Amino acid sequence: MNASQSSPAAAADQYVLTLSCPDKQGIVHAVSSYLFMTGCNIEDSQQFGDHDTGLFFMRVHFSAEAPVTLEKLRASFAAIGDSFRMDWQIHLAAEKMRIILMVSKFGHCLNDLLFRSRIGALPVEIAAVVSNHTDFAELAASYNVPFHHIPVTRDNKPEAEARLLELVRAENVELVVLARYMQVLSDDLCKQLAGKIINIHHSFLPSFKGAKPYHQAHARGVKLIGATAHYVTADLDEGPIIEQEVARVGHGVTPEQLVALGRDVECQALARAVKWHSEHRVLLNGTRTVIFA
């Protein structure tokens, strides 16, 4: 390279800031001023003030070049976070979220998420597949994802959940996805991983519980079926909803066709929920969520 040539400028790093706090004047000004003063450039910004809860929510996608780093941003933003009593986080946008997929006997959601991750449709790194059965060990292996068989019985449930938590910590996992994992998690586990477990429920509204929900729906002659992706809480299938998908059905649909259609809507709803969460687009708002999609 001769003296008249210059090296290309380094690409700016991309970041995502998310926050929630009591709503008051000056929040957007404080955030935007901080980013300007630290040499950052706002690429996209979304915000929402909830009059019911009195909370304000914000997601900002911004870029910055060296010497700005993630550590410096987190350290310098803390004062603003404290002054507005914010619950806030800053992440590198390109950093893939490490997740664990849990499954029992139905593998459609597992296979869908594995495939989406492989083709880059989900910004995640699947650290492991965990199951209380061995049915999908070969499927996980075909994607080069470690498989962990953790049997669950009435007597060993605390030990099984302890093994799961140990795996979560050892693999630096940020999200656990119940991809049709048919075991009820303990209240203690739900609390330890609050806001970090997503489940898919086989109903637009959980009207048909227990065995063969689609057969129950068929017997009632439903005209609309769906699936609900939600965060897991101690209240079974009643955690904050992230996404829902529905499909219309006619009178000629058989129970088997209903099951097949149900598999499709479950995959779609769960995949969107995982994508939005891993892109830091979901903020908890009590028993509800704010989605900056």
C-alpha atoms as a PDB file:
ATOM      1  CA  MET A   1       0.000   0.000   0.000  1.00  0.00           C
ATOM      2  CA  ASN A   2       1.481   3.368  -0.956  1.00  0.00           C
ATOM      3  CA  ALA A   3       1.190   6.567   1.022  1.00  0.00           C
ATOM      4  CA  SER A   4      -1.649   7.916  -1.131  1.00  0.00           C
ATOM      5  CA  GLN A   5      -3.836   4.940  -0.276  1.00  0.00           C
ATOM      6  CA  SER A   6      -5.760   4.752   2.967  1.00  0.00           C
ATOM      7  CA  SER A   7      -7.061   1.646   4.669  1.00  0.00           C
ATOM      8  CA  PRO A   8     -10.843   1.226   4.686  1.00  0.00           C
ATOM      9  CA  ALA A   9     -12.608   2.462   7.782  1.00  0.00           C
ATOM     10  CA  ALA A  10     -13.459  -0.218  10.304  1.00  0.00           C
ATOM     11  CA  ALA A  11     -17.123  -1.137  10.399  1.00  0.00           C
ATOM     12  CA  ALA A  12     -18.965   0.321  13.339  1.00  0.00           C
ATOM     13  CA  ASP A  13     -20.181  -2.096  15.997  1.00  0.00           C
ATOM     14  CA  GLN A  14     -23.944  -2.408  16.376  1.00  0.00           C
ATOM     15  CA  TYR A  15     -25.592  -2.288  19.801  1.00  0.00           C
ATOM     16  CA  VAL A  16     -29.079  -2.629  21.300  1.00  0.00           C
ATOM     17  CA  LEU A  17     -30.180  -0.721  24.392  1.00  0.00           C
ATOM     18  CA  THR A  18     -33.425  -1.737  26.093  1.00  0.00           C
ATOM     19  CA  LEU A  19     -34.947  -0.085  29.140  1.00  0.00           C
ATOM     20  CA  SER A  20     -38.073   0.253  31.229  1.00  0.00           C
ATOM     21  CA  CYS A  21     -38.695   2.720  34.043  1.00  0.00           C
ATOM     22  CA  PRO A  22     -41.348   4.932  35.628  1.00  0.00           C
ATOM     23  CA  ASP A  23     -42.573   7.318  32.947  1.00  0.00           C
ATOM     24  CA  LYS A  24     -41.494  10.949  33.304  1.00  0.00           C
ATOM     25  CA  GLN A  25     -40.307  13.806  31.140  1.00  0.00           C
ATOM     26  CA  GLY A  26     -36.774  13.769  29.781  1.00  0.00           C
ATOM     27  CA  ILE A  27     -36.107  10.050  29.282  1.00  0.00           C
ATOM     28  CA  VAL A  28     -35.758  10.133  25.488  1.00  0.00           C
ATOM     29  CA  HIS A  29     -33.731  13.349  25.659  1.00  0.00           C
ATOM     30  CA  ALA A  30     -31.375  11.860  28.245  1.00  0.00           C
ATOM     31  CA  VAL A  31     -30.819   8.683  26.246  1.00  0.00           C
ATOM     32  CA  SER A  32     -30.331  10.393  22.884  1.00  0.00           C
ATOM     33  CA  SER A  33     -28.049  13.029  24.404  1.00  0.00           C
ATOM     34  CA  TYR A  34     -25.955  10.338  26.064  1.00  0.00           C
ATOM     35  CA  LEU A  35     -25.553   8.443  22.785  1.00  0.00           C
ATOM     36  CA  PHE A  36     -24.613  11.647  20.950  1.00  0.00           C
ATOM     37  CA  MET A  37     -22.066  12.661  23.586  1.00  0.00           C
ATOM     38  CA  THR A  38     -20.429   9.219  23.507  1.00  0.00           C
ATOM     39  CA  GLY A  39     -20.043   9.262  19.722  1.00  0.00           C
ATOM     40  CA  CYS A  40     -22.848   6.820  18.936  1.00  0.00           C
ATOM     41  CA  ASN A  41     -25.286   6.992  16.039  1.00  0.00           C
ATOM     42  CA  ILE A  42     -28.932   5.982  16.472  1.00  0.00           C
ATOM     43  CA  GLU A  43     -30.038   3.573  13.736  1.00  0.00           C
ATOM     44  CA  ASP A  44     -33.548   2.883  15.024  1.00  0.00           C
ATOM     45  CA  SER A  45     -35.534   3.824  18.116  1.00  0.00           C
ATOM     46  CA  GLN A  46     -38.882   2.657  19.462  1.00  0.00           C
ATOM     47  CA  GLN A  47     -40.646   3.670  22.646  1.00  0.00           C
ATOM     48  CA  PHE A  48     -43.948   3.181  24.432  1.00  0.00           C
ATOM     49  CA  GLY A  49     -45.513   4.769  27.480  1.00  0.00           C
ATOM     50  CA  ASP A  50     -48.114   2.626  29.243  1.00  0.00           C
ATOM     51  CA  HIS A  51     -50.742   4.810  30.885  1.00  0.00           C
ATOM     52  CA  ASP A  52     -52.144   1.828  32.802  1.00  0.00           C
ATOM     53  CA  THR A  53     -48.909   0.941  34.593  1.00  0.00           C
ATOM     54  CA  GLY A  54     -47.174   4.312  34.430  1.00  0.00           C
ATOM     55  CA  LEU A  55     -44.101   2.680  32.881  1.00  0.00           C
ATOM     56  CA  PHE A  56     -42.024   3.747  29.902  1.00  0.00           C
ATOM     57  CA  PHE A  57     -40.314   1.274  27.540  1.00  0.00           C
ATOM     58  CA  MET A  58     -37.621   1.903  24.953  1.00  0.00           C
ATOM     59  CA  ARG A  59     -35.437  -0.027  22.507  1.00  0.00           C
ATOM     60  CA  VAL A  60     -32.613   1.739  20.677  1.00  0.00           C
ATOM     61  CA  HIS A  61     -30.447   0.187  17.977  1.00  0.00           C
ATOM     62  CA  PHE A  62     -27.287   2.252  17.592  1.00  0.00           C
ATOM     63  CA  SER A  63     -23.773   2.026  16.181  1.00  0.00           C
ATOM     64  CA  ALA A  64     -20.408   3.167  17.486  1.00  0.00           C
ATOM     65  CA  GLU A  65     -16.767   2.947  16.454  1.00  0.00           C
ATOM     66  CA  ALA A  66     -13.671   2.451  18.580  1.00  0.00           C
ATOM     67  CA  PRO A  67     -12.709   3.477  21.193  1.00  0.00           C
ATOM     68  CA  VAL A  68     -16.328   2.849  22.245  1.00  0.00           C
ATOM     69  CA  THR A  69     -16.759  -0.663  23.674  1.00  0.00           C
ATOM     70  CA  LEU A  70     -19.603  -2.582  25.289  1.00  0.00           C
ATOM     71  CA  GLU A  71     -17.911  -2.406  28.683  1.00  0.00           C
ATOM     72  CA  LYS A  72     -17.440   1.365  28.449  1.00  0.00           C
ATOM     73  CA  LEU A  73     -21.051   1.874  27.367  1.00  0.00           C
ATOM     74  CA  ARG A  74     -22.390  -0.172  30.258  1.00  0.00           C
ATOM     75  CA  ALA A  75     -20.196   1.612  32.765  1.00  0.00           C
ATOM     76  CA  SER A  76     -21.003   5.126  31.556  1.00  0.00           C
ATOM     77  CA  PHE A  77     -24.748   4.568  31.099  1.00  0.00           C
ATOM     78  CA  ALA A  78     -25.205   3.380  34.695  1.00  0.00           C
ATOM     79  CA  ALA A  79     -25.568   6.935  36.018  1.00  0.00           C
ATOM     80  CA  ILE A  80     -28.473   7.655  33.660  1.00  0.00           C
ATOM     81  CA  GLY A  81     -30.051   4.324  34.522  1.00  0.00           C
ATOM     82  CA  ASP A  82     -29.882   5.118  38.211  1.00  0.00           C
ATOM     83  CA  SER A  83     -31.255   8.655  37.831  1.00  0.00           C
ATOM     84  CA  PHE A  84     -34.396   7.388  36.061  1.00  0.00           C
ATOM     85  CA  ARG A  85     -34.665   4.117  38.070  1.00  0.00           C
ATOM     86  CA  MET A  86     -34.274   2.134  34.859  1.00  0.00           C
ATOM     87  CA  ASP A  87     -34.179  -1.585  34.347  1.00  0.00           C
ATOM     88  CA  TRP A  88     -31.784  -1.518  31.382  1.00  0.00           C
ATOM     89  CA  GLN A  89     -29.447  -3.640  29.294  1.00  0.00           C
ATOM     90  CA  ILE A  90     -26.977  -3.017  26.468  1.00  0.00           C
ATOM     91  CA  HIS A  91     -26.037  -5.851  24.106  1.00  0.00           C
ATOM     92  CA  LEU A  92     -23.934  -6.298  21.012  1.00  0.00           C
ATOM     93  CA  ALA A  93     -26.491  -6.719  18.238  1.00  0.00           C
ATOM     94  CA  ALA A  94     -24.418  -9.316  16.387  1.00  0.00           C
ATOM     95  CA  GLU A  95     -23.900 -11.515  19.444  1.00  0.00           C
ATOM     96  CA  LYS A  96     -25.987 -14.658  19.172  1.00  0.00           C
ATOM     97  CA  MET A  97     -27.986 -15.630  22.243  1.00  0.00           C
ATOM     98  CA  ARG A  98     -27.088 -19.014  23.686  1.00  0.00           C
ATOM     99  CA  ILE A  99     -30.179 -21.151  24.243  1.00  0.00           C
ATOM    100  CA  ILE A 100     -31.238 -24.623  25.358  1.00  0.00           C
ATOM    101  CA  LEU A 101     -34.095 -26.454  23.641  1.00  0.00           C
ATOM    102  CA  MET A 102     -36.171 -28.852  25.744  1.00  0.00           C
ATOM    103  CA  VAL A 103     -38.444 -31.495  24.229  1.00  0.00           C
ATOM    104  CA  SER A 104     -40.352 -34.633  25.153  1.00  0.00           C
ATOM    105  CA  LYS A 105     -42.122 -36.816  22.565  1.00  0.00           C
ATOM    106  CA  PHE A 106     -43.274 -34.280  19.927  1.00  0.00           C
ATOM    107  CA  GLY A 107     -40.382 -33.016  17.822  1.00  0.00           C
ATOM    108  CA  HIS A 108     -41.901 -30.612  15.297  1.00  0.00           C
ATOM    109  CA  CYS A 109     -40.965 -27.418  17.166  1.00  0.00           C
ATOM    110  CA  LEU A 110     -37.520 -28.794  17.983  1.00  0.00           C
ATOM    111  CA  ASN A 111     -36.811 -29.657  14.348  1.00  0.00           C
ATOM    112  CA  ASP A 112     -38.136 -26.281  13.183  1.00  0.00           C
ATOM    113  CA  LEU A 113     -35.910 -24.312  15.568  1.00  0.00           C
ATOM    114  CA  LEU A 114     -32.851 -26.417  14.787  1.00  0.00           C
ATOM    115  CA  PHE A 115     -33.352 -25.806  11.065  1.00  0.00           C
ATOM    116  CA  ARG A 116     -34.019 -22.076  11.420  1.00  0.00           C
ATOM    117  CA  SER A 117     -30.882 -21.732  13.514  1.00  0.00           C
ATOM    118  CA  ARG A 118     -28.780 -23.602  10.942  1.00  0.00           C
ATOM    119  CA  ILE A 119     -29.879 -21.389   8.040  1.00  0.00           C
ATOM    120  CA  GLY A 120     -29.390 -18.191  10.035  1.00  0.00           C
ATOM    121  CA  ALA A 121     -33.071 -17.347  10.402  1.00  0.00           C
ATOM    122  CA  LEU A 122     -32.686 -17.172  14.185  1.00  0.00           C
ATOM    123  CA  PRO A 123     -29.903 -15.176  15.873  1.00  0.00           C
ATOM    124  CA  VAL A 124     -29.217 -17.941  18.388  1.00  0.00           C
ATOM    125  CA  GLU A 125     -26.577 -20.493  19.245  1.00  0.00           C
ATOM    126  CA  ILE A 126     -28.151 -23.730  20.427  1.00  0.00           C
ATOM    127  CA  ALA A 127     -25.959 -24.927  23.281  1.00  0.00           C
ATOM    128  CA  ALA A 128     -27.857 -28.164  23.907  1.00  0.00           C
ATOM    129  CA  VAL A 129     -31.030 -30.158  23.478  1.00  0.00           C
ATOM    130  CA  VAL A 130     -32.431 -31.538  26.739  1.00  0.00           C
ATOM    131  CA  SER A 131     -35.119 -34.199  26.943  1.00  0.00           C
ATOM    132  CA  ASN A 132     -36.726 -36.536  29.414  1.00  0.00           C
ATOM    133  CA  HIS A 133     -36.725 -39.139  26.617  1.00  0.00           C
ATOM    134  CA  THR A 134     -34.128 -40.285  24.082  1.00  0.00           C
ATOM    135  CA  ASP A 135     -36.304 -40.091  20.955  1.00  0.00           C
ATOM    136  CA  PHE A 136     -34.554 -37.052  19.439  1.00  0.00           C
ATOM    137  CA  ALA A 137     -30.933 -37.787  20.275  1.00  0.00           C
ATOM    138  CA  GLU A 138     -30.188 -38.622  16.624  1.00  0.00           C
ATOM    139  CA  LEU A 139     -31.960 -35.478  15.396  1.00  0.00           C
ATOM    140  CA  ALA A 140     -29.822 -33.310  17.690  1.00  0.00           C
ATOM    141  CA  ALA A 141     -26.695 -35.151  16.551  1.00  0.00           C
ATOM    142  CA  SER A 142     -27.561 -34.489  12.895  1.00  0.00           C
ATOM    143  CA  TYR A 143     -27.297 -30.770  13.692  1.00  0.00           C
ATOM    144  CA  ASN A 144     -24.119 -31.286  15.768  1.00  0.00           C
ATOM    145  CA  VAL A 145     -25.930 -30.121  18.904  1.00  0.00           C
ATOM    146  CA  PRO A 146     -25.132 -31.869  22.224  1.00  0.00           C
ATOM    147  CA  PHE A 147     -28.019 -33.969  23.556  1.00  0.00           C
ATOM    148  CA  HIS A 148     -28.655 -34.435  27.267  1.00  0.00           C
ATOM    149  CA  HIS A 149     -31.066 -37.078  28.517  1.00  0.00           C
ATOM    150  CA  ILE A 150     -32.437 -36.006  31.899  1.00  0.00           C
ATOM    151  CA  PRO A 151     -35.184 -38.435  32.963  1.00  0.00           C
ATOM    152  CA  VAL A 152     -37.886 -36.965  35.178  1.00  0.00           C
ATOM    153  CA  THR A 153     -39.951 -38.932  37.681  1.00  0.00           C
ATOM    154  CA  ARG A 154     -42.043 -37.940  40.652  1.00  0.00           C
ATOM    155  CA  ASP A 155     -39.162 -38.899  42.938  1.00  0.00           C
ATOM    156  CA  ASN A 156     -36.188 -37.311  41.128  1.00  0.00           C
ATOM    157  CA  LYS A 157     -37.672 -34.032  39.879  1.00  0.00           C
ATOM    158  CA  PRO A 158     -35.558 -31.784  42.162  1.00  0.00           C
ATOM    159  CA  GLU A 159     -32.378 -33.574  41.058  1.00  0.00           C
ATOM    160  CA  ALA A 160     -33.404 -33.349  37.385  1.00  0.00           C
ATOM    161  CA  GLU A 161     -34.034 -29.612  37.630  1.00  0.00           C
ATOM    162  CA  ALA A 162     -30.726 -29.151  39.448  1.00  0.00           C
ATOM    163  CA  ARG A 163     -28.965 -30.844  36.511  1.00  0.00           C
ATOM    164  CA  LEU A 164     -30.749 -28.494  34.118  1.00  0.00           C
ATOM    165  CA  LEU A 165     -29.698 -25.424  36.108  1.00  0.00           C
ATOM    166  CA  GLU A 166     -26.142 -26.704  36.227  1.00  0.00           C
ATOM    167  CA  LEU A 167     -26.170 -27.033  32.445  1.00  0.00           C
ATOM    168  CA  VAL A 168     -27.651 -23.544  32.015  1.00  0.00           C
ATOM    169  CA  ARG A 169     -24.845 -22.044  34.086  1.00  0.00           C
ATOM    170  CA  ALA A 170     -22.047 -24.146  32.609  1.00  0.00           C
ATOM    171  CA  GLU A 171     -23.053 -23.234  29.053  1.00  0.00           C
ATOM    172  CA  ASN A 172     -23.786 -19.539  29.774  1.00  0.00           C
ATOM    173  CA  VAL A 173     -27.332 -20.021  28.521  1.00  0.00           C
ATOM    174  CA  GLU A 174     -29.592 -16.951  28.409  1.00  0.00           C
ATOM    175  CA  LEU A 175     -32.837 -18.613  27.296  1.00  0.00           C
ATOM    176  CA  VAL A 176     -34.521 -21.986  27.783  1.00  0.00           C
ATOM    177  CA  VAL A 177     -37.122 -22.903  25.157  1.00  0.00           C
ATOM    178  CA  LEU A 178     -39.747 -25.531  25.958  1.00  0.00           C
ATOM    179  CA  ALA A 179     -40.280 -26.900  22.459  1.00  0.00           C
ATOM    180  CA  ARG A 180     -43.155 -29.160  23.512  1.00  0.00           C
ATOM    181  CA  TYR A 181     -41.479 -30.242  26.754  1.00  0.00           C
ATOM    182  CA  MET A 182     -44.280 -31.985  28.594  1.00  0.00           C
ATOM    183  CA  GLN A 183     -43.161 -31.583  32.202  1.00  0.00           C
ATOM    184  CA  VAL A 184     -44.411 -28.985  34.663  1.00  0.00           C
ATOM    185  CA  LEU A 185     -41.513 -26.950  36.040  1.00  0.00           C
ATOM    186  CA  SER A 186     -41.304 -26.280  39.763  1.00  0.00           C
ATOM    187  CA  ASP A 187     -42.081 -22.864  41.217  1.00  0.00           C
ATOM    188  CA  ASP A 188     -38.456 -22.559  42.340  1.00  0.00           C
ATOM    189  CA  LEU A 189     -37.081 -23.178  38.847  1.00  0.00           C
ATOM    190  CA  CYS A 190     -39.564 -20.709  37.348  1.00  0.00           C
ATOM    191  CA  LYS A 191     -38.367 -18.061  39.792  1.00  0.00           C
ATOM    192  CA  GLN A 192     -34.673 -18.728  39.180  1.00  0.00           C
ATOM    193  CA  LEU A 193     -35.145 -18.429  35.414  1.00  0.00           C
ATOM    194  CA  ALA A 194     -37.865 -15.760  35.428  1.00  0.00           C
ATOM    195  CA  GLY A 195     -38.140 -14.094  32.031  1.00  0.00           C
ATOM    196  CA  LYS A 196     -35.728 -16.648  30.562  1.00  0.00           C
ATOM    197  CA  ILE A 197     -38.057 -19.567  29.740  1.00  0.00           C
ATOM    198  CA  ILE A 198     -40.416 -19.573  26.760  1.00  0.00           C
ATOM    199  CA  ASN A 199     -43.130 -22.200  26.290  1.00  0.00           C
ATOM    200  CA  ILE A 200     -45.484 -22.983  23.420  1.00  0.00           C
ATOM    201  CA  HIS A 201     -49.078 -23.759  24.339  1.00  0.00           C
ATOM    202  CA  HIS A 202     -51.313 -25.671  21.953  1.00  0.00           C
ATOM    203  CA  SER A 203     -54.183 -23.208  21.947  1.00  0.00           C
ATOM    204  CA  PHE A 204     -54.974 -19.644  20.965  1.00  0.00           C
ATOM    205  CA  LEU A 205     -56.555 -19.395  24.396  1.00  0.00           C
ATOM    206  CA  PRO A 206     -55.823 -22.322  26.735  1.00  0.00           C
ATOM    207  CA  SER A 207     -59.342 -23.763  26.553  1.00  0.00           C
ATOM    208  CA  PHE A 208     -58.469 -27.393  25.942  1.00  0.00           C
ATOM    209  CA  LYS A 209     -56.094 -28.751  28.570  1.00  0.00           C
ATOM    210  CA  GLY A 210     -54.874 -32.266  29.157  1.00  0.00           C
ATOM    211  CA  ALA A 211     -54.576 -35.095  26.658  1.00  0.00           C
ATOM    212  CA  LYS A 212     -55.309 -34.729  22.927  1.00  0.00           C
ATOM    213  CA  PRO A 213     -56.259 -31.018  22.899  1.00  0.00           C
ATOM    214  CA  TYR A 214     -56.848 -30.947  19.128  1.00  0.00           C
ATOM    215  CA  HIS A 215     -59.214 -33.901  19.384  1.00  0.00           C
ATOM    216  CA  GLN A 216     -61.079 -31.995  22.103  1.00  0.00           C
ATOM    217  CA  ALA A 217     -61.224 -28.955  19.819  1.00  0.00           C
ATOM    218  CA  HIS A 218     -62.525 -31.100  16.952  1.00  0.00           C
ATOM    219  CA  ALA A 219     -65.235 -32.566  19.154  1.00  0.00           C
ATOM    220  CA  ARG A 220     -66.375 -29.030  20.009  1.00  0.00           C
ATOM    221  CA  GLY A 221     -66.443 -28.031  16.333  1.00  0.00           C
ATOM    222  CA  VAL A 222     -64.046 -25.117  16.684  1.00  0.00           C
ATOM    223  CA  LYS A 223     -63.597 -22.825  13.718  1.00  0.00           C
ATOM    224  CA  LEU A 224     -60.328 -21.287  14.853  1.00  0.00           C
ATOM    225  CA  ILE A 225     -57.283 -23.010  16.309  1.00  0.00           C
ATOM    226  CA  GLY A 226     -54.006 -21.505  17.346  1.00  0.00           C
ATOM    227  CA  ALA A 227     -50.932 -21.508  19.524  1.00  0.00           C
ATOM    228  CA  THR A 228     -49.595 -19.204  22.212  1.00  0.00           C
ATOM    229  CA  ALA A 229     -45.919 -18.602  22.985  1.00  0.00           C
ATOM    230  CA  HIS A 230     -45.428 -17.198  26.463  1.00  0.00           C
ATOM    231  CA  TYR A 231     -42.964 -16.818  29.294  1.00  0.00           C
ATOM    232  CA  VAL A 232     -43.131 -19.533  31.920  1.00  0.00           C
ATOM    233  CA  THR A 233     -44.271 -18.635  35.415  1.00  0.00           C
ATOM    234  CA  ALA A 234     -45.460 -20.620  38.405  1.00  0.00           C
ATOM    235  CA  ASP A 235     -49.013 -20.220  37.062  1.00  0.00           C
ATOM    236  CA  LEU A 236     -49.297 -23.029  34.513  1.00  0.00           C
ATOM    237  CA  ASP A 237     -49.696 -21.743  30.920  1.00  0.00           C
ATOM    238  CA  GLU A 238     -50.605 -18.254  32.155  1.00  0.00           C
ATOM    239  CA  GLY A 239     -47.297 -16.390  31.808  1.00  0.00           C
ATOM    240  CA  PRO A 240     -46.915 -13.142  29.830  1.00  0.00           C
ATOM    241  CA  ILE A 241     -47.825 -13.749  26.179  1.00  0.00           C
ATOM    242  CA  ILE A 242     -45.195 -13.035  23.529  1.00  0.00           C
ATOM    243  CA  GLU A 243     -46.859 -14.205  20.318  1.00  0.00           C
ATOM    244  CA  GLN A 244     -49.973 -16.005  19.061  1.00  0.00           C
ATOM    245  CA  GLU A 245     -50.781 -17.610  15.724  1.00  0.00           C
ATOM    246  CA  VAL A 246     -54.165 -18.799  14.455  1.00  0.00           C
ATOM    247  CA  ALA A 247     -55.637 -20.753  11.542  1.00  0.00           C
ATOM    248  CA  ARG A 248     -59.255 -21.135  10.415  1.00  0.00           C
ATOM    249  CA  VAL A 249     -60.696 -24.618  10.047  1.00  0.00           C
ATOM    250  CA  GLY A 250     -63.803 -25.876   8.308  1.00  0.00           C
ATOM    251  CA  HIS A 251     -66.346 -28.537   9.206  1.00  0.00           C
ATOM    252  CA  GLY A 252     -64.665 -31.147   7.001  1.00  0.00           C
ATOM    253  CA  VAL A 253     -61.313 -31.122   8.793  1.00  0.00           C
ATOM    254  CA  THR A 254     -60.461 -34.404  10.503  1.00  0.00           C
ATOM    255  CA  PRO A 255     -58.797 -34.634  13.940  1.00  0.00           C
ATOM    256  CA  GLU A 256     -55.574 -35.763  12.234  1.00  0.00           C
ATOM    257  CA  GLN A 257     -55.626 -32.743   9.899  1.00  0.00           C
ATOM    258  CA  LEU A 258     -56.272 -30.517  12.896  1.00  0.00           C
ATOM    259  CA  VAL A 259     -53.205 -31.940  14.630  1.00  0.00           C
ATOM    260  CA  ALA A 260     -51.078 -31.304  11.516  1.00  0.00           C
ATOM    261  CA  LEU A 261     -52.361 -27.744  11.224  1.00  0.00           C
ATOM    262  CA  GLY A 262     -51.721 -27.268  14.922  1.00  0.00           C
ATOM    263  CA  ARG A 263     -48.109 -28.313  14.503  1.00  0.00           C
ATOM    264  CA  ASP A 264     -47.623 -25.605  11.877  1.00  0.00           C
ATOM    265  CA  VAL A 265     -49.055 -22.775  13.976  1.00  0.00           C
ATOM    266  CA  GLU A 266     -47.089 -23.918  17.035  1.00  0.00           C
ATOM    267  CA  CYS A 267     -43.836 -23.772  15.056  1.00  0.00           C
ATOM    268  CA  GLN A 268     -44.619 -20.325  13.663  1.00  0.00           C
ATOM    269  CA  ALA A 269     -45.595 -18.756  16.986  1.00  0.00           C
ATOM    270  CA  LEU A 270     -42.661 -20.236  18.888  1.00  0.00           C
ATOM    271  CA  ALA A 271     -40.096 -19.293  16.238  1.00  0.00           C
ATOM    272  CA  ARG A 272     -41.238 -15.663  16.240  1.00  0.00           C
ATOM    273  CA  ALA A 273     -41.177 -15.523  20.037  1.00  0.00           C
ATOM    274  CA  VAL A 274     -37.638 -16.926  20.169  1.00  0.00           C
ATOM    275  CA  LYS A 275     -36.479 -14.535  17.436  1.00  0.00           C
ATOM    276  CA  TRP A 276     -37.947 -11.461  19.115  1.00  0.00           C
ATOM    277  CA  HIS A 277     -36.574 -12.419  22.521  1.00  0.00           C
ATOM    278  CA  SER A 278     -33.103 -13.138  21.152  1.00  0.00           C
ATOM    279  CA  GLU A 279     -33.107  -9.765  19.358  1.00  0.00           C
ATOM    280  CA  HIS A 280     -34.025  -8.048  22.643  1.00  0.00           C
ATOM    281  CA  ARG A 281     -37.383  -6.896  21.325  1.00  0.00           C
ATOM    282  CA  VAL A 282     -39.512  -8.158  24.242  1.00  0.00           C
ATOM    283  CA  LEU A 283     -39.842  -6.231  27.488  1.00  0.00           C
ATOM    284  CA  LEU A 284     -41.852  -7.486  30.428  1.00  0.00           C
ATOM    285  CA  ASN A 285     -44.703  -5.260  31.593  1.00  0.00           C
ATOM    286  CA  GLY A 286     -46.124  -7.019  34.619  1.00  0.00           C
ATOM    287  CA  THR A 287     -48.332  -9.837  33.343  1.00  0.00           C
ATOM    288  CA  ARG A 288     -48.033  -8.518  29.781  1.00  0.00           C
ATOM    289  CA  THR A 289     -45.263  -7.798  27.314  1.00  0.00           C
ATOM    290  CA  VAL A 290     -44.175  -4.893  25.143  1.00  0.00           C
ATOM    291  CA  ILE A 291     -42.968  -6.127  21.731  1.00  0.00           C
ATOM    292  CA  PHE A 292     -40.810  -3.813  19.624  1.00  0.00           C
ATOM    293  CA  ALA A 293     -41.011  -5.984  16.493  1.00  0.00           C
END
